[in-house]
Amino acid sequence: MALPALFSALRLSHHQTTTVDRHDVLDGIKNIYIGDRGYCSYNNMAHVVEQGQYFLFRTKDIHSKGLVGNFNFPDAESFDIDVSVILVRSHSKKVLADIHTEGYIRFVDQAAAFDYIEYGSYDTYELSFRILRFPISTSTYECIVTNLPRDEFPVERIKTLYNAR
């Protein structure tokens, strides 16, 4: 693995290419894009996945209304789970009737950037990732989403990588 490629402090808008698209991908090298809460979005995750790279994003905790706020989590305070999400940009009954999944369905509204499905389209996009939650103090938890493989990147290694950002 190459050293992590960090997201710049630039705010991304719907009309800009993402930082991922501006970063060179070298043959045989896997980059890990690390981002704080402001960069955790389905759009940024999809751009990393489409380039065959890895992401590690800090996100709002599971009790918030953020990206991971509506998943089913284990009863434990700390966990490392796999989730699969089908993204849609239409509330049409036709779209929803055609989806057969045991995973989650998430609607990406018009205000949110998502470059792989046009708003109102009947298309779908599947995204799989891990959600990790672990303590950083006696009363505070960190929540991370990543597509890094569990066998090479257990929780302790994820903590080290994120801390090195």
N, C-alpha and C. Protein backbone atom coordinates (compact mmCIF):
# COMPACT_ATOMS: atom_id res chain seq x y z
N MET A 1 0.84 -1.18 0.00
CA MET A 1 0.00 0.00 0.00
C MET A 1 0.88 1.24 0.00
N ALA A 2 0.48 2.23 -0.74
CA ALA A 2 1.18 3.50 -0.73
C ALA A 2 0.78 4.25 0.53
N LEU A 3 1.54 5.28 0.85
CA LEU A 3 1.12 6.13 1.96
C LEU A 3 -0.26 6.68 1.65
N PRO A 4 -1.07 6.95 2.66
CA PRO A 4 -2.42 7.45 2.40
C PRO A 4 -2.42 8.75 1.61
N ALA A 5 -3.33 8.86 0.67
CA ALA A 5 -3.54 10.11 -0.04
C ALA A 5 -4.62 10.86 0.73
N LEU A 6 -4.32 12.05 1.17
CA LEU A 6 -5.26 12.79 2.01
C LEU A 6 -6.16 13.67 1.16
N PHE A 7 -7.40 13.84 1.61
CA PHE A 7 -8.29 14.78 0.96
C PHE A 7 -7.81 16.18 1.28
N SER A 8 -7.87 17.06 0.32
CA SER A 8 -7.48 18.44 0.58
C SER A 8 -8.59 19.12 1.38
N ALA A 9 -8.33 20.28 1.89
CA ALA A 9 -9.30 21.01 2.69
C ALA A 9 -10.37 21.68 1.82
N LEU A 10 -10.30 21.48 0.54
CA LEU A 10 -11.24 22.07 -0.41
C LEU A 10 -12.64 21.50 -0.23
N ARG A 11 -13.63 22.36 -0.18
CA ARG A 11 -15.03 21.93 -0.13
C ARG A 11 -15.44 21.50 -1.53
N LEU A 12 -16.03 20.35 -1.64
CA LEU A 12 -16.44 19.84 -2.94
C LEU A 12 -17.87 20.27 -3.23
N SER A 13 -18.13 20.69 -4.44
CA SER A 13 -19.49 21.02 -4.82
C SER A 13 -19.94 20.06 -5.92
N HIS A 14 -21.19 20.11 -6.25
CA HIS A 14 -21.76 19.20 -7.25
C HIS A 14 -21.06 19.32 -8.61
N HIS A 15 -20.55 20.51 -8.92
CA HIS A 15 -20.00 20.74 -10.25
C HIS A 15 -18.48 20.56 -10.32
N GLN A 16 -17.84 20.26 -9.21
CA GLN A 16 -16.40 20.01 -9.22
C GLN A 16 -16.15 18.51 -9.31
N THR A 17 -15.03 18.15 -9.89
CA THR A 17 -14.64 16.75 -9.79
C THR A 17 -14.13 16.54 -8.38
N THR A 18 -14.23 15.35 -7.89
CA THR A 18 -13.77 15.10 -6.53
C THR A 18 -12.26 15.04 -6.49
N THR A 19 -11.72 15.16 -5.30
CA THR A 19 -10.28 15.06 -5.10
C THR A 19 -9.77 13.74 -5.63
N VAL A 20 -10.54 12.70 -5.50
CA VAL A 20 -10.14 11.37 -5.97
C VAL A 20 -9.85 11.42 -7.47
N ASP A 21 -10.70 12.07 -8.23
CA ASP A 21 -10.52 12.13 -9.67
C ASP A 21 -9.31 12.97 -10.08
N ARG A 22 -8.87 13.86 -9.21
CA ARG A 22 -7.71 14.71 -9.52
C ARG A 22 -6.39 14.05 -9.10
N HIS A 23 -6.46 12.94 -8.39
CA HIS A 23 -5.26 12.28 -7.88
C HIS A 23 -4.83 11.18 -8.84
N ASP A 24 -3.55 11.14 -9.17
CA ASP A 24 -3.04 10.11 -10.06
C ASP A 24 -3.08 8.74 -9.39
N VAL A 25 -3.54 7.75 -10.12
CA VAL A 25 -3.52 6.36 -9.65
C VAL A 25 -2.42 5.65 -10.41
N LEU A 26 -1.43 5.15 -9.67
CA LEU A 26 -0.30 4.47 -10.28
C LEU A 26 -0.57 2.98 -10.36
N ASP A 27 -0.17 2.35 -11.46
CA ASP A 27 -0.36 0.91 -11.62
C ASP A 27 0.27 0.15 -10.47
N GLY A 28 -0.47 -0.80 -9.91
CA GLY A 28 0.04 -1.64 -8.85
C GLY A 28 0.06 -1.00 -7.47
N ILE A 29 -0.35 0.25 -7.37
CA ILE A 29 -0.36 0.97 -6.09
C ILE A 29 -1.80 1.23 -5.69
N LYS A 30 -2.13 0.91 -4.45
CA LYS A 30 -3.46 1.21 -3.92
C LYS A 30 -3.35 2.39 -2.98
N ASN A 31 -4.15 3.39 -3.19
CA ASN A 31 -4.18 4.56 -2.32
C ASN A 31 -5.30 4.40 -1.30
N ILE A 32 -5.09 4.97 -0.15
CA ILE A 32 -6.13 5.04 0.87
C ILE A 32 -6.46 6.51 1.04
N TYR A 33 -7.68 6.88 0.68
CA TYR A 33 -8.13 8.25 0.82
C TYR A 33 -8.75 8.39 2.21
N ILE A 34 -8.17 9.28 3.01
CA ILE A 34 -8.62 9.47 4.38
C ILE A 34 -9.29 10.83 4.49
N GLY A 35 -10.49 10.85 5.07
CA GLY A 35 -11.20 12.12 5.19
C GLY A 35 -11.95 12.23 6.50
N ASP A 36 -12.05 13.45 6.99
CA ASP A 36 -12.83 13.72 8.19
C ASP A 36 -14.32 13.75 7.86
N ARG A 37 -15.12 14.09 8.85
CA ARG A 37 -16.57 14.00 8.71
C ARG A 37 -17.13 14.75 7.50
N GLY A 38 -16.57 15.88 7.15
CA GLY A 38 -17.09 16.66 6.03
C GLY A 38 -16.95 15.97 4.68
N TYR A 39 -16.15 14.91 4.59
CA TYR A 39 -15.92 14.25 3.32
C TYR A 39 -16.59 12.89 3.22
N CYS A 40 -17.29 12.49 4.26
CA CYS A 40 -17.96 11.20 4.24
C CYS A 40 -19.29 11.34 3.50
N SER A 41 -19.29 10.88 2.26
CA SER A 41 -20.51 10.93 1.46
C SER A 41 -20.52 9.72 0.53
N TYR A 42 -21.72 9.33 0.11
CA TYR A 42 -21.83 8.23 -0.84
C TYR A 42 -21.10 8.59 -2.14
N ASN A 43 -21.13 9.86 -2.54
CA ASN A 43 -20.48 10.27 -3.78
C ASN A 43 -18.97 10.07 -3.69
N ASN A 44 -18.35 10.53 -2.61
CA ASN A 44 -16.90 10.36 -2.47
C ASN A 44 -16.54 8.88 -2.36
N MET A 45 -17.33 8.10 -1.63
CA MET A 45 -17.05 6.67 -1.54
C MET A 45 -17.12 6.02 -2.92
N ALA A 46 -18.14 6.35 -3.70
CA ALA A 46 -18.29 5.76 -5.03
C ALA A 46 -17.14 6.13 -5.95
N HIS A 47 -16.67 7.36 -5.89
CA HIS A 47 -15.53 7.76 -6.73
C HIS A 47 -14.29 6.95 -6.39
N VAL A 48 -14.05 6.71 -5.11
CA VAL A 48 -12.89 5.90 -4.70
C VAL A 48 -13.05 4.47 -5.21
N VAL A 49 -14.23 3.90 -5.01
CA VAL A 49 -14.49 2.52 -5.45
C VAL A 49 -14.34 2.39 -6.96
N GLU A 50 -14.86 3.34 -7.70
CA GLU A 50 -14.78 3.29 -9.17
C GLU A 50 -13.33 3.31 -9.66
N GLN A 51 -12.43 3.89 -8.89
CA GLN A 51 -11.00 3.89 -9.27
C GLN A 51 -10.27 2.67 -8.72
N GLY A 52 -10.99 1.79 -8.03
CA GLY A 52 -10.35 0.59 -7.49
C GLY A 52 -9.45 0.87 -6.31
N GLN A 53 -9.74 1.94 -5.57
CA GLN A 53 -8.91 2.36 -4.45
C GLN A 53 -9.66 2.14 -3.13
N TYR A 54 -9.09 2.64 -2.04
CA TYR A 54 -9.67 2.47 -0.71
C TYR A 54 -9.99 3.81 -0.06
N PHE A 55 -11.01 3.81 0.79
CA PHE A 55 -11.36 5.00 1.56
C PHE A 55 -11.44 4.65 3.04
N LEU A 56 -11.21 5.66 3.85
CA LEU A 56 -11.34 5.56 5.30
C LEU A 56 -11.84 6.93 5.75
N PHE A 57 -13.14 7.03 6.04
CA PHE A 57 -13.75 8.30 6.40
C PHE A 57 -14.30 8.27 7.82
N ARG A 58 -14.03 9.31 8.54
CA ARG A 58 -14.68 9.50 9.84
C ARG A 58 -16.07 10.03 9.55
N THR A 59 -17.04 9.56 10.29
CA THR A 59 -18.41 9.99 10.09
C THR A 59 -19.05 10.32 11.43
N LYS A 60 -20.20 10.96 11.38
CA LYS A 60 -20.94 11.23 12.62
C LYS A 60 -21.29 9.91 13.29
N ASP A 61 -21.47 9.96 14.58
CA ASP A 61 -21.75 8.74 15.33
C ASP A 61 -23.10 8.15 14.94
N ILE A 62 -23.32 6.92 15.32
CA ILE A 62 -24.51 6.17 14.94
C ILE A 62 -25.80 6.75 15.51
N HIS A 63 -25.71 7.59 16.53
CA HIS A 63 -26.90 8.17 17.14
C HIS A 63 -27.29 9.50 16.49
N SER A 64 -26.58 9.89 15.45
CA SER A 64 -26.87 11.14 14.75
C SER A 64 -27.74 10.88 13.54
N LYS A 65 -28.02 11.95 12.81
CA LYS A 65 -28.77 11.82 11.56
C LYS A 65 -27.83 11.79 10.37
N GLY A 66 -26.59 11.40 10.59
CA GLY A 66 -25.60 11.35 9.52
C GLY A 66 -25.75 10.12 8.65
N LEU A 67 -24.75 9.88 7.84
CA LEU A 67 -24.76 8.80 6.85
C LEU A 67 -25.03 7.43 7.46
N VAL A 68 -24.56 7.16 8.66
CA VAL A 68 -24.75 5.84 9.27
C VAL A 68 -25.84 5.82 10.33
N GLY A 69 -26.65 6.85 10.39
CA GLY A 69 -27.65 6.97 11.45
C GLY A 69 -28.79 5.98 11.42
N ASN A 70 -29.07 5.33 10.30
CA ASN A 70 -30.26 4.48 10.19
C ASN A 70 -29.96 3.03 9.83
N PHE A 71 -28.84 2.52 10.27
CA PHE A 71 -28.51 1.12 10.04
C PHE A 71 -28.87 0.31 11.29
N ASN A 72 -28.97 -0.99 11.13
CA ASN A 72 -29.18 -1.87 12.28
C ASN A 72 -27.81 -2.26 12.82
N PHE A 73 -27.55 -1.91 14.06
CA PHE A 73 -26.26 -2.16 14.67
C PHE A 73 -26.37 -3.22 15.75
N PRO A 74 -25.25 -3.89 16.05
CA PRO A 74 -25.25 -4.84 17.16
C PRO A 74 -25.54 -4.12 18.48
N ASP A 75 -25.89 -4.88 19.49
CA ASP A 75 -26.17 -4.30 20.80
C ASP A 75 -24.90 -3.81 21.51
N ALA A 76 -23.74 -4.16 21.02
CA ALA A 76 -22.48 -3.75 21.62
C ALA A 76 -22.18 -2.29 21.30
N GLU A 77 -21.43 -1.64 22.18
CA GLU A 77 -21.02 -0.24 21.95
C GLU A 77 -19.96 -0.15 20.85
N SER A 78 -19.09 -1.16 20.75
CA SER A 78 -18.04 -1.22 19.73
C SER A 78 -18.35 -2.34 18.76
N PHE A 79 -18.06 -2.12 17.48
CA PHE A 79 -18.32 -3.16 16.48
C PHE A 79 -17.59 -2.86 15.19
N ASP A 80 -17.55 -3.84 14.32
CA ASP A 80 -16.99 -3.75 12.98
C ASP A 80 -17.90 -4.60 12.10
N ILE A 81 -18.80 -3.95 11.35
CA ILE A 81 -19.79 -4.68 10.57
C ILE A 81 -19.68 -4.34 9.08
N ASP A 82 -20.16 -5.25 8.25
CA ASP A 82 -20.25 -5.03 6.80
C ASP A 82 -21.67 -4.63 6.46
N VAL A 83 -21.81 -3.64 5.57
CA VAL A 83 -23.13 -3.26 5.09
C VAL A 83 -23.09 -3.14 3.57
N SER A 84 -24.22 -3.35 2.96
CA SER A 84 -24.39 -3.17 1.53
C SER A 84 -25.59 -2.25 1.34
N VAL A 85 -25.40 -1.21 0.55
CA VAL A 85 -26.44 -0.19 0.35
C VAL A 85 -26.74 -0.08 -1.13
N ILE A 86 -28.00 -0.05 -1.47
CA ILE A 86 -28.40 0.25 -2.84
C ILE A 86 -28.91 1.68 -2.85
N LEU A 87 -28.25 2.52 -3.64
CA LEU A 87 -28.60 3.93 -3.72
C LEU A 87 -29.59 4.15 -4.86
N VAL A 88 -30.60 4.96 -4.60
CA VAL A 88 -31.60 5.31 -5.60
C VAL A 88 -31.78 6.82 -5.60
N ARG A 89 -32.27 7.35 -6.72
CA ARG A 89 -32.53 8.79 -6.81
C ARG A 89 -33.95 9.06 -7.26
N SER A 90 -34.80 8.05 -7.10
CA SER A 90 -36.22 8.19 -7.42
C SER A 90 -37.02 7.43 -6.39
N HIS A 91 -38.15 8.00 -5.99
CA HIS A 91 -39.06 7.31 -5.06
C HIS A 91 -40.10 6.47 -5.80
N SER A 92 -39.93 6.32 -7.10
CA SER A 92 -40.90 5.60 -7.92
C SER A 92 -41.11 4.18 -7.40
N LYS A 93 -42.35 3.75 -7.37
CA LYS A 93 -42.66 2.38 -6.95
C LYS A 93 -42.02 1.36 -7.89
N LYS A 94 -41.85 1.74 -9.17
CA LYS A 94 -41.20 0.85 -10.13
C LYS A 94 -39.76 0.56 -9.70
N VAL A 95 -39.03 1.58 -9.30
CA VAL A 95 -37.64 1.39 -8.87
C VAL A 95 -37.59 0.49 -7.64
N LEU A 96 -38.40 0.81 -6.66
CA LEU A 96 -38.38 0.06 -5.41
C LEU A 96 -38.85 -1.37 -5.59
N ALA A 97 -39.81 -1.61 -6.49
CA ALA A 97 -40.32 -2.96 -6.73
C ALA A 97 -39.27 -3.85 -7.41
N ASP A 98 -38.38 -3.23 -8.18
CA ASP A 98 -37.36 -3.99 -8.90
C ASP A 98 -36.13 -4.33 -8.06
N ILE A 99 -36.08 -3.79 -6.84
CA ILE A 99 -34.91 -4.04 -5.98
C ILE A 99 -35.20 -5.22 -5.08
N HIS A 100 -34.37 -6.23 -5.21
CA HIS A 100 -34.48 -7.42 -4.36
C HIS A 100 -33.17 -7.54 -3.59
N THR A 101 -33.21 -7.12 -2.33
CA THR A 101 -31.99 -7.11 -1.55
C THR A 101 -32.29 -7.38 -0.08
N GLU A 102 -31.31 -7.95 0.58
CA GLU A 102 -31.39 -8.08 2.03
C GLU A 102 -30.62 -6.94 2.68
N GLY A 103 -30.02 -6.08 1.86
CA GLY A 103 -29.27 -4.94 2.36
C GLY A 103 -30.16 -3.74 2.59
N TYR A 104 -29.60 -2.59 2.46
CA TYR A 104 -30.31 -1.34 2.73
C TYR A 104 -30.54 -0.58 1.44
N ILE A 105 -31.60 0.20 1.41
CA ILE A 105 -31.90 1.08 0.29
C ILE A 105 -31.84 2.51 0.83
N ARG A 106 -31.11 3.38 0.15
CA ARG A 106 -30.99 4.77 0.56
C ARG A 106 -31.33 5.68 -0.62
N PHE A 107 -32.15 6.67 -0.36
CA PHE A 107 -32.51 7.67 -1.35
C PHE A 107 -31.51 8.82 -1.27
N VAL A 108 -30.91 9.19 -2.40
CA VAL A 108 -30.00 10.33 -2.47
C VAL A 108 -30.78 11.48 -3.08
N ASP A 109 -31.07 12.50 -2.27
CA ASP A 109 -31.95 13.57 -2.76
C ASP A 109 -31.24 14.50 -3.74
N GLN A 110 -32.01 15.41 -4.30
CA GLN A 110 -31.51 16.28 -5.36
C GLN A 110 -30.40 17.21 -4.87
N ALA A 111 -30.45 17.60 -3.60
CA ALA A 111 -29.44 18.52 -3.06
C ALA A 111 -28.08 17.84 -2.87
N ALA A 112 -28.06 16.52 -2.77
CA ALA A 112 -26.81 15.80 -2.56
C ALA A 112 -26.18 15.43 -3.90
N ALA A 113 -24.88 15.60 -3.99
CA ALA A 113 -24.17 15.19 -5.20
C ALA A 113 -24.05 13.67 -5.23
N PHE A 114 -24.38 13.10 -6.36
CA PHE A 114 -24.07 11.69 -6.62
C PHE A 114 -23.92 11.55 -8.13
N ASP A 115 -22.68 11.40 -8.57
CA ASP A 115 -22.34 11.47 -9.98
C ASP A 115 -22.66 10.22 -10.80
N TYR A 116 -23.10 9.16 -10.16
CA TYR A 116 -23.30 7.90 -10.89
C TYR A 116 -24.77 7.58 -11.17
N ILE A 117 -25.67 8.40 -10.66
CA ILE A 117 -27.10 8.27 -10.99
C ILE A 117 -27.67 9.68 -11.10
N GLU A 118 -28.31 9.96 -12.21
CA GLU A 118 -28.96 11.25 -12.39
C GLU A 118 -30.21 11.31 -11.51
N TYR A 119 -30.46 12.47 -10.92
CA TYR A 119 -31.64 12.62 -10.07
C TYR A 119 -32.92 12.33 -10.87
N GLY A 120 -33.80 11.53 -10.32
CA GLY A 120 -35.04 11.15 -10.98
C GLY A 120 -34.92 9.88 -11.81
N SER A 121 -33.70 9.42 -12.03
CA SER A 121 -33.45 8.21 -12.82
C SER A 121 -33.94 6.98 -12.07
N TYR A 122 -34.25 5.93 -12.82
CA TYR A 122 -34.64 4.65 -12.22
C TYR A 122 -33.43 3.75 -11.96
N ASP A 123 -32.23 4.25 -12.27
CA ASP A 123 -31.02 3.46 -12.05
C ASP A 123 -30.74 3.29 -10.56
N THR A 124 -29.90 2.32 -10.25
CA THR A 124 -29.47 2.09 -8.87
C THR A 124 -27.95 1.96 -8.86
N TYR A 125 -27.38 2.07 -7.68
CA TYR A 125 -25.93 1.93 -7.51
C TYR A 125 -25.70 1.21 -6.20
N GLU A 126 -24.95 0.10 -6.23
CA GLU A 126 -24.70 -0.66 -5.01
C GLU A 126 -23.32 -0.32 -4.45
N LEU A 127 -23.27 -0.12 -3.15
CA LEU A 127 -22.05 0.25 -2.47
C LEU A 127 -21.92 -0.59 -1.20
N SER A 128 -20.78 -1.23 -1.03
CA SER A 128 -20.53 -2.06 0.16
C SER A 128 -19.35 -1.49 0.93
N PHE A 129 -19.46 -1.49 2.25
CA PHE A 129 -18.40 -0.97 3.09
C PHE A 129 -18.55 -1.47 4.51
N ARG A 130 -17.55 -1.19 5.32
CA ARG A 130 -17.56 -1.53 6.74
C ARG A 130 -17.91 -0.29 7.56
N ILE A 131 -18.60 -0.51 8.66
CA ILE A 131 -18.81 0.55 9.65
C ILE A 131 -18.15 0.08 10.94
N LEU A 132 -17.21 0.88 11.43
CA LEU A 132 -16.50 0.55 12.66
C LEU A 132 -16.84 1.60 13.72
N ARG A 133 -17.04 1.14 14.93
CA ARG A 133 -17.27 2.06 16.05
C ARG A 133 -16.42 1.55 17.20
N PHE A 134 -15.62 2.46 17.78
CA PHE A 134 -14.73 2.07 18.86
C PHE A 134 -14.55 3.26 19.81
N PRO A 135 -14.20 2.98 21.09
CA PRO A 135 -14.04 4.06 22.06
C PRO A 135 -12.73 4.82 21.86
N ILE A 136 -12.80 6.14 22.09
CA ILE A 136 -11.59 6.95 22.09
C ILE A 136 -11.38 7.57 23.47
N SER A 137 -12.37 7.45 24.33
CA SER A 137 -12.26 7.83 25.74
C SER A 137 -13.30 7.01 26.49
N THR A 138 -13.46 7.25 27.76
CA THR A 138 -14.42 6.47 28.54
C THR A 138 -15.87 6.76 28.15
N SER A 139 -16.12 7.91 27.52
CA SER A 139 -17.50 8.24 27.17
C SER A 139 -17.70 8.66 25.71
N THR A 140 -16.65 8.58 24.90
CA THR A 140 -16.71 9.04 23.51
C THR A 140 -16.32 7.92 22.55
N TYR A 141 -17.04 7.86 21.43
CA TYR A 141 -16.77 6.84 20.41
C TYR A 141 -16.47 7.50 19.08
N GLU A 142 -15.64 6.82 18.31
CA GLU A 142 -15.32 7.23 16.95
C GLU A 142 -16.06 6.28 16.00
N CYS A 143 -16.55 6.82 14.90
CA CYS A 143 -17.24 6.01 13.90
C CYS A 143 -16.54 6.21 12.56
N ILE A 144 -16.16 5.10 11.92
CA ILE A 144 -15.40 5.11 10.67
C ILE A 144 -16.14 4.26 9.63
N VAL A 145 -16.15 4.73 8.38
CA VAL A 145 -16.61 3.89 7.28
C VAL A 145 -15.41 3.66 6.36
N THR A 146 -15.27 2.43 5.88
CA THR A 146 -14.13 2.09 5.04
C THR A 146 -14.45 0.90 4.16
N ASN A 147 -13.71 0.78 3.08
CA ASN A 147 -13.78 -0.43 2.25
C ASN A 147 -12.48 -1.22 2.33
N LEU A 148 -11.64 -0.90 3.31
CA LEU A 148 -10.40 -1.66 3.50
C LEU A 148 -10.72 -3.08 3.94
N PRO A 149 -9.99 -4.07 3.41
CA PRO A 149 -10.27 -5.46 3.76
C PRO A 149 -9.96 -5.74 5.24
N ARG A 150 -10.88 -6.40 5.90
CA ARG A 150 -10.78 -6.68 7.33
C ARG A 150 -9.55 -7.51 7.68
N ASP A 151 -9.22 -8.49 6.83
CA ASP A 151 -8.08 -9.36 7.16
C ASP A 151 -6.76 -8.60 7.19
N GLU A 152 -6.61 -7.57 6.37
CA GLU A 152 -5.38 -6.78 6.36
C GLU A 152 -5.47 -5.55 7.26
N PHE A 153 -6.70 -5.11 7.55
CA PHE A 153 -6.91 -3.88 8.30
C PHE A 153 -7.92 -4.09 9.44
N PRO A 154 -7.47 -4.76 10.50
CA PRO A 154 -8.34 -4.89 11.67
C PRO A 154 -8.50 -3.52 12.34
N VAL A 155 -9.35 -3.46 13.34
CA VAL A 155 -9.69 -2.20 13.99
C VAL A 155 -8.45 -1.44 14.46
N GLU A 156 -7.51 -2.10 15.08
CA GLU A 156 -6.31 -1.41 15.59
C GLU A 156 -5.52 -0.73 14.47
N ARG A 157 -5.43 -1.37 13.32
CA ARG A 157 -4.72 -0.77 12.19
C ARG A 157 -5.51 0.41 11.61
N ILE A 158 -6.83 0.30 11.60
CA ILE A 158 -7.68 1.41 11.15
C ILE A 158 -7.47 2.62 12.06
N LYS A 159 -7.42 2.41 13.36
CA LYS A 159 -7.19 3.50 14.31
C LYS A 159 -5.85 4.19 14.02
N THR A 160 -4.82 3.38 13.79
CA THR A 160 -3.49 3.93 13.51
C THR A 160 -3.49 4.74 12.22
N LEU A 161 -4.11 4.21 11.18
CA LEU A 161 -4.18 4.94 9.91
C LEU A 161 -4.92 6.26 10.05
N TYR A 162 -6.08 6.22 10.70
CA TYR A 162 -6.85 7.45 10.83
C TYR A 162 -6.08 8.48 11.67
N ASN A 163 -5.44 8.02 12.71
CA ASN A 163 -4.67 8.92 13.58
C ASN A 163 -3.50 9.56 12.81
N ALA A 164 -2.96 8.87 11.82
CA ALA A 164 -1.82 9.37 11.04
C ALA A 164 -2.23 10.38 9.97
N ARG A 165 -3.50 10.61 9.81
CA ARG A 165 -3.97 11.48 8.73
C ARG A 165 -3.31 12.83 8.77
